[in-house]
Amino acid sequence: MADVRSIYFIRHGEKEASSTYNSIYNKKLRLTEKGKEQAERISVYLTRCNIKHIYSSDYDRTLQTSAPTSNRLCLPVIINKGFGERILLTKDVDATASKSKFIKSQHDWSYKSPGGESLKEVVIRFNQAVGNILSDTDGTVAVFTHGRALQSYIARAL
């Protein structure tokens, strides 16, 4: 196993508003001006952390958040779908229905809608992505990801 000193997990900056919890339809949401400022600020901080590798989910907002760090450190961003947001729904439904399914899934980590992911599945996916970094990467790593996926991973790890 390679020696990883630290992994920094960074949630993407503030994103555009959405009326749905459906991550498939929200994949292309971009950062707001505030989110772009947050991405710049975290890049300044990360320049002091001896980052050797940068990973990101393939969502626009995480790629936008990772870009300033990548530019400052002259490191490529490695896309890893394992760090993607949880897929709650695969059909576009109204905000009330999507919120109801979201709330139900928070209480039952095994719940998933057809074609979607349960929170248990998200944790397994995220854990596999972290495991790949631990086995394949030396040095300090920055991972740009999503709040719900990261919160679920940390909750299960603790």
N, C-alpha and C. Protein backbone atom coordinates (compact mmCIF):
# COMPACT_ATOMS: atom_id res chain seq x y z
N MET A 1 0.84 -1.18 0.00
CA MET A 1 0.00 0.00 0.00
C MET A 1 0.89 1.24 0.00
N ALA A 2 0.50 2.22 -0.81
CA ALA A 2 1.22 3.48 -0.86
C ALA A 2 0.97 4.27 0.42
N ASP A 3 1.88 5.18 0.72
CA ASP A 3 1.78 5.99 1.93
C ASP A 3 1.09 7.31 1.61
N VAL A 4 -0.11 7.51 2.12
CA VAL A 4 -0.83 8.76 1.95
C VAL A 4 -0.78 9.50 3.27
N ARG A 5 -0.24 10.68 3.25
CA ARG A 5 -0.13 11.45 4.49
C ARG A 5 -1.47 12.07 4.89
N SER A 6 -2.16 12.67 3.93
CA SER A 6 -3.43 13.33 4.24
C SER A 6 -4.33 13.31 3.02
N ILE A 7 -5.65 13.26 3.29
CA ILE A 7 -6.64 13.48 2.24
C ILE A 7 -7.51 14.64 2.71
N TYR A 8 -7.58 15.68 1.91
CA TYR A 8 -8.46 16.81 2.17
C TYR A 8 -9.72 16.62 1.34
N PHE A 9 -10.87 16.55 2.01
CA PHE A 9 -12.16 16.47 1.33
C PHE A 9 -12.76 17.86 1.28
N ILE A 10 -13.11 18.32 0.09
CA ILE A 10 -13.65 19.66 -0.08
C ILE A 10 -15.01 19.55 -0.76
N ARG A 11 -16.03 20.08 -0.11
CA ARG A 11 -17.35 20.17 -0.74
C ARG A 11 -17.30 21.31 -1.74
N HIS A 12 -17.97 21.13 -2.85
CA HIS A 12 -18.00 22.18 -3.88
C HIS A 12 -18.53 23.49 -3.30
N GLY A 13 -18.21 24.58 -3.98
CA GLY A 13 -18.70 25.90 -3.57
C GLY A 13 -20.20 26.03 -3.80
N GLU A 14 -20.72 27.17 -3.36
CA GLU A 14 -22.16 27.41 -3.50
C GLU A 14 -22.58 27.27 -4.96
N LYS A 15 -23.66 26.49 -5.18
CA LYS A 15 -24.14 26.24 -6.54
C LYS A 15 -25.41 27.01 -6.83
N GLU A 16 -25.75 27.02 -8.09
CA GLU A 16 -27.01 27.63 -8.52
C GLU A 16 -28.17 26.94 -7.82
N ALA A 17 -29.25 27.66 -7.63
CA ALA A 17 -30.43 27.10 -7.00
C ALA A 17 -31.10 26.08 -7.92
N SER A 18 -31.75 25.11 -7.29
CA SER A 18 -32.48 24.09 -8.03
C SER A 18 -33.77 23.80 -7.28
N SER A 19 -34.81 23.48 -8.02
CA SER A 19 -36.10 23.19 -7.39
C SER A 19 -36.26 21.70 -7.10
N THR A 20 -35.26 20.90 -7.38
CA THR A 20 -35.37 19.46 -7.20
C THR A 20 -34.16 18.91 -6.45
N TYR A 21 -34.33 17.76 -5.85
CA TYR A 21 -33.24 17.05 -5.18
C TYR A 21 -32.61 16.03 -6.12
N ASN A 22 -32.99 16.05 -7.38
CA ASN A 22 -32.57 15.05 -8.33
C ASN A 22 -31.18 15.35 -8.86
N SER A 23 -30.19 14.60 -8.43
CA SER A 23 -28.81 14.90 -8.80
C SER A 23 -28.52 14.65 -10.27
N ILE A 24 -29.28 13.77 -10.92
CA ILE A 24 -29.06 13.56 -12.36
C ILE A 24 -29.34 14.86 -13.10
N TYR A 25 -30.44 15.51 -12.78
CA TYR A 25 -30.80 16.75 -13.46
C TYR A 25 -29.99 17.94 -12.96
N ASN A 26 -29.41 17.80 -11.79
CA ASN A 26 -28.62 18.90 -11.22
C ASN A 26 -27.14 18.76 -11.53
N LYS A 27 -26.74 17.78 -12.32
CA LYS A 27 -25.33 17.52 -12.60
C LYS A 27 -24.65 18.72 -13.26
N LYS A 28 -25.38 19.48 -14.03
CA LYS A 28 -24.81 20.60 -14.77
C LYS A 28 -24.92 21.93 -14.03
N LEU A 29 -25.44 21.93 -12.80
CA LEU A 29 -25.51 23.18 -12.05
C LEU A 29 -24.11 23.73 -11.84
N ARG A 30 -23.97 25.03 -12.00
CA ARG A 30 -22.67 25.68 -11.92
C ARG A 30 -22.58 26.46 -10.61
N LEU A 31 -21.40 26.96 -10.33
CA LEU A 31 -21.20 27.76 -9.12
C LEU A 31 -21.78 29.16 -9.30
N THR A 32 -22.24 29.70 -8.20
CA THR A 32 -22.63 31.11 -8.18
C THR A 32 -21.35 31.95 -8.07
N GLU A 33 -21.49 33.25 -8.10
CA GLU A 33 -20.31 34.11 -7.90
C GLU A 33 -19.69 33.86 -6.53
N LYS A 34 -20.54 33.69 -5.52
CA LYS A 34 -20.03 33.37 -4.18
C LYS A 34 -19.28 32.04 -4.21
N GLY A 35 -19.81 31.04 -4.91
CA GLY A 35 -19.16 29.74 -5.02
C GLY A 35 -17.80 29.85 -5.71
N LYS A 36 -17.69 30.71 -6.70
CA LYS A 36 -16.40 30.92 -7.38
C LYS A 36 -15.40 31.56 -6.42
N GLU A 37 -15.87 32.50 -5.59
CA GLU A 37 -14.99 33.11 -4.59
C GLU A 37 -14.54 32.07 -3.56
N GLN A 38 -15.46 31.19 -3.16
CA GLN A 38 -15.10 30.12 -2.22
C GLN A 38 -14.04 29.20 -2.83
N ALA A 39 -14.18 28.89 -4.11
CA ALA A 39 -13.20 28.04 -4.79
C ALA A 39 -11.82 28.70 -4.81
N GLU A 40 -11.79 30.00 -5.04
CA GLU A 40 -10.51 30.72 -5.02
C GLU A 40 -9.89 30.69 -3.63
N ARG A 41 -10.71 30.92 -2.60
CA ARG A 41 -10.19 30.94 -1.23
C ARG A 41 -9.64 29.57 -0.82
N ILE A 42 -10.36 28.50 -1.16
CA ILE A 42 -9.86 27.18 -0.77
C ILE A 42 -8.58 26.85 -1.53
N SER A 43 -8.45 27.36 -2.75
CA SER A 43 -7.23 27.09 -3.52
C SER A 43 -6.02 27.76 -2.86
N VAL A 44 -6.22 28.93 -2.29
CA VAL A 44 -5.13 29.61 -1.59
C VAL A 44 -4.71 28.77 -0.38
N TYR A 45 -5.69 28.29 0.37
CA TYR A 45 -5.39 27.46 1.53
C TYR A 45 -4.65 26.19 1.11
N LEU A 46 -5.14 25.52 0.07
CA LEU A 46 -4.56 24.24 -0.34
C LEU A 46 -3.15 24.37 -0.89
N THR A 47 -2.77 25.55 -1.34
CA THR A 47 -1.40 25.72 -1.82
C THR A 47 -0.38 25.54 -0.69
N ARG A 48 -0.83 25.65 0.55
CA ARG A 48 0.06 25.48 1.71
C ARG A 48 0.04 24.05 2.26
N CYS A 49 -0.67 23.15 1.58
CA CYS A 49 -0.89 21.80 2.13
C CYS A 49 -0.10 20.70 1.44
N ASN A 50 0.79 21.06 0.56
CA ASN A 50 1.65 20.09 -0.12
C ASN A 50 0.83 19.04 -0.90
N ILE A 51 -0.21 19.51 -1.57
CA ILE A 51 -1.07 18.64 -2.37
C ILE A 51 -0.27 18.07 -3.54
N LYS A 52 -0.37 16.76 -3.74
CA LYS A 52 0.32 16.09 -4.85
C LYS A 52 -0.65 15.58 -5.91
N HIS A 53 -1.92 15.39 -5.54
CA HIS A 53 -2.92 14.86 -6.47
C HIS A 53 -4.26 15.53 -6.18
N ILE A 54 -5.02 15.78 -7.25
CA ILE A 54 -6.35 16.39 -7.12
C ILE A 54 -7.36 15.45 -7.79
N TYR A 55 -8.40 15.10 -7.04
CA TYR A 55 -9.50 14.29 -7.55
C TYR A 55 -10.79 15.09 -7.47
N SER A 56 -11.71 14.80 -8.38
CA SER A 56 -13.00 15.48 -8.38
C SER A 56 -14.06 14.55 -8.96
N SER A 57 -15.30 14.76 -8.52
CA SER A 57 -16.41 14.12 -9.21
C SER A 57 -16.53 14.78 -10.58
N ASP A 58 -17.38 14.24 -11.42
CA ASP A 58 -17.52 14.79 -12.77
C ASP A 58 -18.65 15.82 -12.89
N TYR A 59 -19.16 16.29 -11.77
CA TYR A 59 -20.20 17.33 -11.79
C TYR A 59 -19.55 18.69 -12.07
N ASP A 60 -20.27 19.53 -12.79
CA ASP A 60 -19.72 20.85 -13.16
C ASP A 60 -19.26 21.63 -11.94
N ARG A 61 -20.05 21.62 -10.88
CA ARG A 61 -19.72 22.45 -9.72
C ARG A 61 -18.45 21.99 -8.99
N THR A 62 -18.18 20.68 -8.97
CA THR A 62 -16.94 20.23 -8.33
C THR A 62 -15.75 20.51 -9.23
N LEU A 63 -15.94 20.37 -10.53
CA LEU A 63 -14.85 20.70 -11.45
C LEU A 63 -14.52 22.19 -11.39
N GLN A 64 -15.55 23.03 -11.30
CA GLN A 64 -15.31 24.47 -11.15
C GLN A 64 -14.61 24.78 -9.83
N THR A 65 -14.96 24.07 -8.77
CA THR A 65 -14.35 24.31 -7.47
C THR A 65 -12.90 23.86 -7.46
N SER A 66 -12.59 22.79 -8.15
CA SER A 66 -11.22 22.28 -8.16
C SER A 66 -10.30 23.06 -9.11
N ALA A 67 -10.85 23.75 -10.09
CA ALA A 67 -10.04 24.41 -11.12
C ALA A 67 -9.02 25.41 -10.57
N PRO A 68 -9.38 26.30 -9.65
CA PRO A 68 -8.36 27.23 -9.13
C PRO A 68 -7.20 26.52 -8.44
N THR A 69 -7.48 25.45 -7.72
CA THR A 69 -6.41 24.70 -7.06
C THR A 69 -5.53 24.03 -8.11
N SER A 70 -6.13 23.44 -9.10
CA SER A 70 -5.40 22.82 -10.18
C SER A 70 -4.49 23.83 -10.88
N ASN A 71 -5.03 25.00 -11.15
CA ASN A 71 -4.25 26.05 -11.83
C ASN A 71 -3.10 26.55 -10.95
N ARG A 72 -3.37 26.78 -9.67
CA ARG A 72 -2.32 27.28 -8.77
C ARG A 72 -1.19 26.28 -8.58
N LEU A 73 -1.54 25.00 -8.51
CA LEU A 73 -0.54 23.97 -8.23
C LEU A 73 0.00 23.31 -9.49
N CYS A 74 -0.56 23.67 -10.65
CA CYS A 74 -0.14 23.05 -11.92
C CYS A 74 -0.28 21.53 -11.86
N LEU A 75 -1.40 21.08 -11.30
CA LEU A 75 -1.70 19.65 -11.21
C LEU A 75 -2.98 19.36 -11.98
N PRO A 76 -3.05 18.22 -12.65
CA PRO A 76 -4.30 17.88 -13.34
C PRO A 76 -5.37 17.45 -12.34
N VAL A 77 -6.61 17.61 -12.74
CA VAL A 77 -7.74 17.11 -11.95
C VAL A 77 -8.09 15.73 -12.49
N ILE A 78 -8.05 14.74 -11.61
CA ILE A 78 -8.40 13.37 -11.99
C ILE A 78 -9.87 13.16 -11.64
N ILE A 79 -10.66 12.86 -12.64
CA ILE A 79 -12.09 12.65 -12.40
C ILE A 79 -12.32 11.24 -11.88
N ASN A 80 -13.07 11.16 -10.79
CA ASN A 80 -13.43 9.89 -10.20
C ASN A 80 -14.92 9.95 -9.87
N LYS A 81 -15.72 9.21 -10.61
CA LYS A 81 -17.17 9.24 -10.41
C LYS A 81 -17.58 8.68 -9.05
N GLY A 82 -16.68 7.99 -8.39
CA GLY A 82 -16.95 7.49 -7.05
C GLY A 82 -17.21 8.60 -6.05
N PHE A 83 -16.74 9.80 -6.37
CA PHE A 83 -16.95 10.95 -5.49
C PHE A 83 -18.16 11.78 -5.90
N GLY A 84 -18.98 11.26 -6.82
CA GLY A 84 -20.16 11.98 -7.29
C GLY A 84 -21.25 12.09 -6.24
N GLU A 85 -22.19 12.95 -6.52
CA GLU A 85 -23.33 13.14 -5.63
C GLU A 85 -24.21 11.90 -5.65
N ARG A 86 -24.97 11.74 -4.62
CA ARG A 86 -25.91 10.63 -4.52
C ARG A 86 -27.00 10.81 -5.58
N ILE A 87 -27.31 9.76 -6.31
CA ILE A 87 -28.39 9.80 -7.30
C ILE A 87 -29.67 9.38 -6.60
N LEU A 88 -30.50 10.36 -6.32
CA LEU A 88 -31.76 10.10 -5.62
C LEU A 88 -32.83 9.64 -6.60
N LEU A 89 -32.96 10.35 -7.70
CA LEU A 89 -34.01 10.07 -8.68
C LEU A 89 -33.43 10.06 -10.08
N THR A 90 -34.06 9.28 -10.96
CA THR A 90 -33.66 9.29 -12.36
C THR A 90 -34.76 9.86 -13.25
N LYS A 91 -35.87 10.24 -12.64
CA LYS A 91 -36.96 10.90 -13.37
C LYS A 91 -37.17 12.27 -12.76
N ASP A 92 -37.52 13.21 -13.58
CA ASP A 92 -37.78 14.55 -13.09
C ASP A 92 -39.18 14.58 -12.48
N VAL A 93 -39.25 14.87 -11.20
CA VAL A 93 -40.53 14.97 -10.51
C VAL A 93 -40.62 16.34 -9.86
N ASP A 94 -41.83 16.69 -9.43
CA ASP A 94 -41.98 18.01 -8.81
C ASP A 94 -41.24 18.09 -7.48
N ALA A 95 -41.04 19.31 -7.02
CA ALA A 95 -40.24 19.56 -5.82
C ALA A 95 -40.81 18.86 -4.59
N THR A 96 -42.13 18.81 -4.45
CA THR A 96 -42.74 18.18 -3.28
C THR A 96 -42.44 16.68 -3.26
N ALA A 97 -42.57 16.03 -4.41
CA ALA A 97 -42.30 14.59 -4.48
C ALA A 97 -40.82 14.30 -4.25
N SER A 98 -39.94 15.11 -4.84
CA SER A 98 -38.51 14.85 -4.65
C SER A 98 -38.10 15.10 -3.20
N LYS A 99 -38.68 16.11 -2.57
CA LYS A 99 -38.35 16.37 -1.17
C LYS A 99 -38.83 15.23 -0.28
N SER A 100 -40.01 14.70 -0.57
CA SER A 100 -40.55 13.59 0.20
C SER A 100 -39.63 12.37 0.12
N LYS A 101 -39.16 12.05 -1.08
CA LYS A 101 -38.25 10.91 -1.25
C LYS A 101 -36.90 11.18 -0.57
N PHE A 102 -36.44 12.41 -0.64
CA PHE A 102 -35.19 12.78 0.01
C PHE A 102 -35.30 12.56 1.52
N ILE A 103 -36.36 13.06 2.12
CA ILE A 103 -36.56 12.92 3.56
C ILE A 103 -36.67 11.45 3.94
N LYS A 104 -37.43 10.68 3.17
CA LYS A 104 -37.57 9.24 3.45
C LYS A 104 -36.19 8.56 3.43
N SER A 105 -35.36 8.94 2.48
CA SER A 105 -34.04 8.31 2.35
C SER A 105 -33.11 8.67 3.51
N GLN A 106 -33.34 9.80 4.13
CA GLN A 106 -32.51 10.20 5.27
C GLN A 106 -32.80 9.35 6.51
N HIS A 107 -34.01 8.84 6.58
CA HIS A 107 -34.42 8.02 7.72
C HIS A 107 -34.17 6.53 7.47
N ASP A 108 -34.12 6.13 6.21
CA ASP A 108 -33.89 4.74 5.84
C ASP A 108 -32.76 4.69 4.82
N TRP A 109 -31.55 4.38 5.28
CA TRP A 109 -30.37 4.40 4.43
C TRP A 109 -30.38 3.30 3.38
N SER A 110 -31.34 2.38 3.45
CA SER A 110 -31.48 1.34 2.43
C SER A 110 -32.47 1.75 1.34
N TYR A 111 -33.24 2.80 1.60
CA TYR A 111 -34.26 3.23 0.63
C TYR A 111 -33.62 3.78 -0.63
N LYS A 112 -34.21 3.38 -1.77
CA LYS A 112 -33.82 4.00 -3.04
C LYS A 112 -35.00 3.94 -3.98
N SER A 113 -35.10 4.97 -4.79
CA SER A 113 -36.14 4.99 -5.81
C SER A 113 -35.64 4.20 -7.01
N PRO A 114 -36.51 3.78 -7.91
CA PRO A 114 -36.07 3.01 -9.07
C PRO A 114 -34.97 3.75 -9.85
N GLY A 115 -33.85 3.06 -10.04
CA GLY A 115 -32.73 3.64 -10.77
C GLY A 115 -31.82 4.51 -9.93
N GLY A 116 -32.23 4.81 -8.70
CA GLY A 116 -31.44 5.67 -7.83
C GLY A 116 -30.50 4.87 -6.94
N GLU A 117 -29.89 5.57 -6.00
CA GLU A 117 -28.96 4.94 -5.06
C GLU A 117 -29.46 5.12 -3.63
N SER A 118 -29.25 4.12 -2.82
CA SER A 118 -29.49 4.28 -1.39
C SER A 118 -28.26 4.96 -0.80
N LEU A 119 -28.40 5.50 0.39
CA LEU A 119 -27.24 6.10 1.05
C LEU A 119 -26.19 5.03 1.37
N LYS A 120 -26.64 3.80 1.67
CA LYS A 120 -25.69 2.71 1.88
C LYS A 120 -24.84 2.48 0.64
N GLU A 121 -25.46 2.52 -0.53
CA GLU A 121 -24.72 2.33 -1.78
C GLU A 121 -23.75 3.48 -2.03
N VAL A 122 -24.16 4.68 -1.67
CA VAL A 122 -23.27 5.83 -1.83
C VAL A 122 -22.02 5.65 -0.98
N VAL A 123 -22.20 5.22 0.25
CA VAL A 123 -21.06 5.01 1.15
C VAL A 123 -20.13 3.94 0.59
N ILE A 124 -20.67 2.87 0.05
CA ILE A 124 -19.84 1.82 -0.55
C ILE A 124 -19.06 2.39 -1.73
N ARG A 125 -19.72 3.12 -2.60
CA ARG A 125 -19.06 3.72 -3.77
C ARG A 125 -17.96 4.68 -3.36
N PHE A 126 -18.27 5.54 -2.41
CA PHE A 126 -17.31 6.55 -1.93
C PHE A 126 -16.12 5.85 -1.26
N ASN A 127 -16.42 4.84 -0.46
CA ASN A 127 -15.36 4.10 0.24
C ASN A 127 -14.43 3.41 -0.76
N GLN A 128 -14.97 2.87 -1.84
CA GLN A 128 -14.13 2.25 -2.87
C GLN A 128 -13.22 3.28 -3.52
N ALA A 129 -13.74 4.47 -3.77
CA ALA A 129 -12.93 5.54 -4.38
C ALA A 129 -11.79 5.94 -3.44
N VAL A 130 -12.09 6.07 -2.15
CA VAL A 130 -11.05 6.39 -1.17
C VAL A 130 -10.04 5.25 -1.11
N GLY A 131 -10.51 4.03 -1.10
CA GLY A 131 -9.61 2.88 -1.07
C GLY A 131 -8.65 2.86 -2.25
N ASN A 132 -9.15 3.22 -3.42
CA ASN A 132 -8.27 3.28 -4.60
C ASN A 132 -7.18 4.33 -4.42
N ILE A 133 -7.54 5.46 -3.85
CA ILE A 133 -6.53 6.51 -3.59
C ILE A 133 -5.49 5.98 -2.59
N LEU A 134 -5.96 5.34 -1.55
CA LEU A 134 -5.04 4.84 -0.53
C LEU A 134 -4.08 3.80 -1.09
N SER A 135 -4.54 2.99 -2.03
CA SER A 135 -3.66 1.95 -2.56
C SER A 135 -2.82 2.41 -3.74
N ASP A 136 -3.23 3.46 -4.43
CA ASP A 136 -2.56 3.86 -5.67
C ASP A 136 -1.80 5.18 -5.61
N THR A 137 -1.90 5.92 -4.53
CA THR A 137 -1.41 7.29 -4.51
C THR A 137 -0.49 7.54 -3.32
N ASP A 138 0.64 8.15 -3.58
CA ASP A 138 1.51 8.64 -2.52
C ASP A 138 1.29 10.14 -2.37
N GLY A 139 1.48 10.64 -1.19
CA GLY A 139 1.41 12.08 -0.98
C GLY A 139 0.03 12.55 -0.58
N THR A 140 -0.06 13.84 -0.40
CA THR A 140 -1.29 14.48 0.07
C THR A 140 -2.24 14.68 -1.10
N VAL A 141 -3.53 14.42 -0.84
CA VAL A 141 -4.55 14.42 -1.88
C VAL A 141 -5.67 15.40 -1.52
N ALA A 142 -6.17 16.10 -2.54
CA ALA A 142 -7.39 16.92 -2.39
C ALA A 142 -8.50 16.25 -3.19
N VAL A 143 -9.64 16.04 -2.55
CA VAL A 143 -10.80 15.43 -3.20
C VAL A 143 -11.94 16.44 -3.16
N PHE A 144 -12.43 16.80 -4.34
CA PHE A 144 -13.56 17.73 -4.46
C PHE A 144 -14.82 16.92 -4.71
N THR A 145 -15.77 17.05 -3.80
CA THR A 145 -16.92 16.17 -3.79
C THR A 145 -18.19 16.93 -3.40
N HIS A 146 -19.17 16.20 -2.87
CA HIS A 146 -20.50 16.73 -2.58
C HIS A 146 -20.88 16.50 -1.13
N GLY A 147 -21.68 17.40 -0.61
CA GLY A 147 -22.04 17.37 0.80
C GLY A 147 -22.69 16.10 1.27
N ARG A 148 -23.76 15.67 0.60
CA ARG A 148 -24.50 14.49 1.07
C ARG A 148 -23.63 13.24 1.00
N ALA A 149 -22.90 13.05 -0.08
CA ALA A 149 -22.04 11.87 -0.21
C ALA A 149 -20.96 11.87 0.87
N LEU A 150 -20.33 13.02 1.09
CA LEU A 150 -19.27 13.12 2.09
C LEU A 150 -19.81 12.94 3.50
N GLN A 151 -20.94 13.57 3.81
CA GLN A 151 -21.54 13.43 5.14
C GLN A 151 -21.88 11.96 5.42
N SER A 152 -22.42 11.28 4.43
CA SER A 152 -22.80 9.87 4.62
C SER A 152 -21.54 9.02 4.85
N TYR A 153 -20.51 9.26 4.09
CA TYR A 153 -19.26 8.51 4.22
C TYR A 153 -18.66 8.72 5.63
N ILE A 154 -18.60 9.96 6.06
CA ILE A 154 -18.03 10.26 7.38
C ILE A 154 -18.90 9.66 8.49
N ALA A 155 -20.22 9.77 8.35
CA ALA A 155 -21.11 9.22 9.37
C ALA A 155 -20.89 7.73 9.55
N ARG A 156 -20.74 7.00 8.45
CA ARG A 156 -20.50 5.56 8.54
C ARG A 156 -19.10 5.25 9.05
N ALA A 157 -18.12 6.07 8.68
CA ALA A 157 -16.75 5.83 9.13
C ALA A 157 -16.63 6.02 10.64
N LEU A 158 -17.40 6.93 11.19
CA LEU A 158 -17.34 7.19 12.63
C LEU A 158 -18.24 6.26 13.40
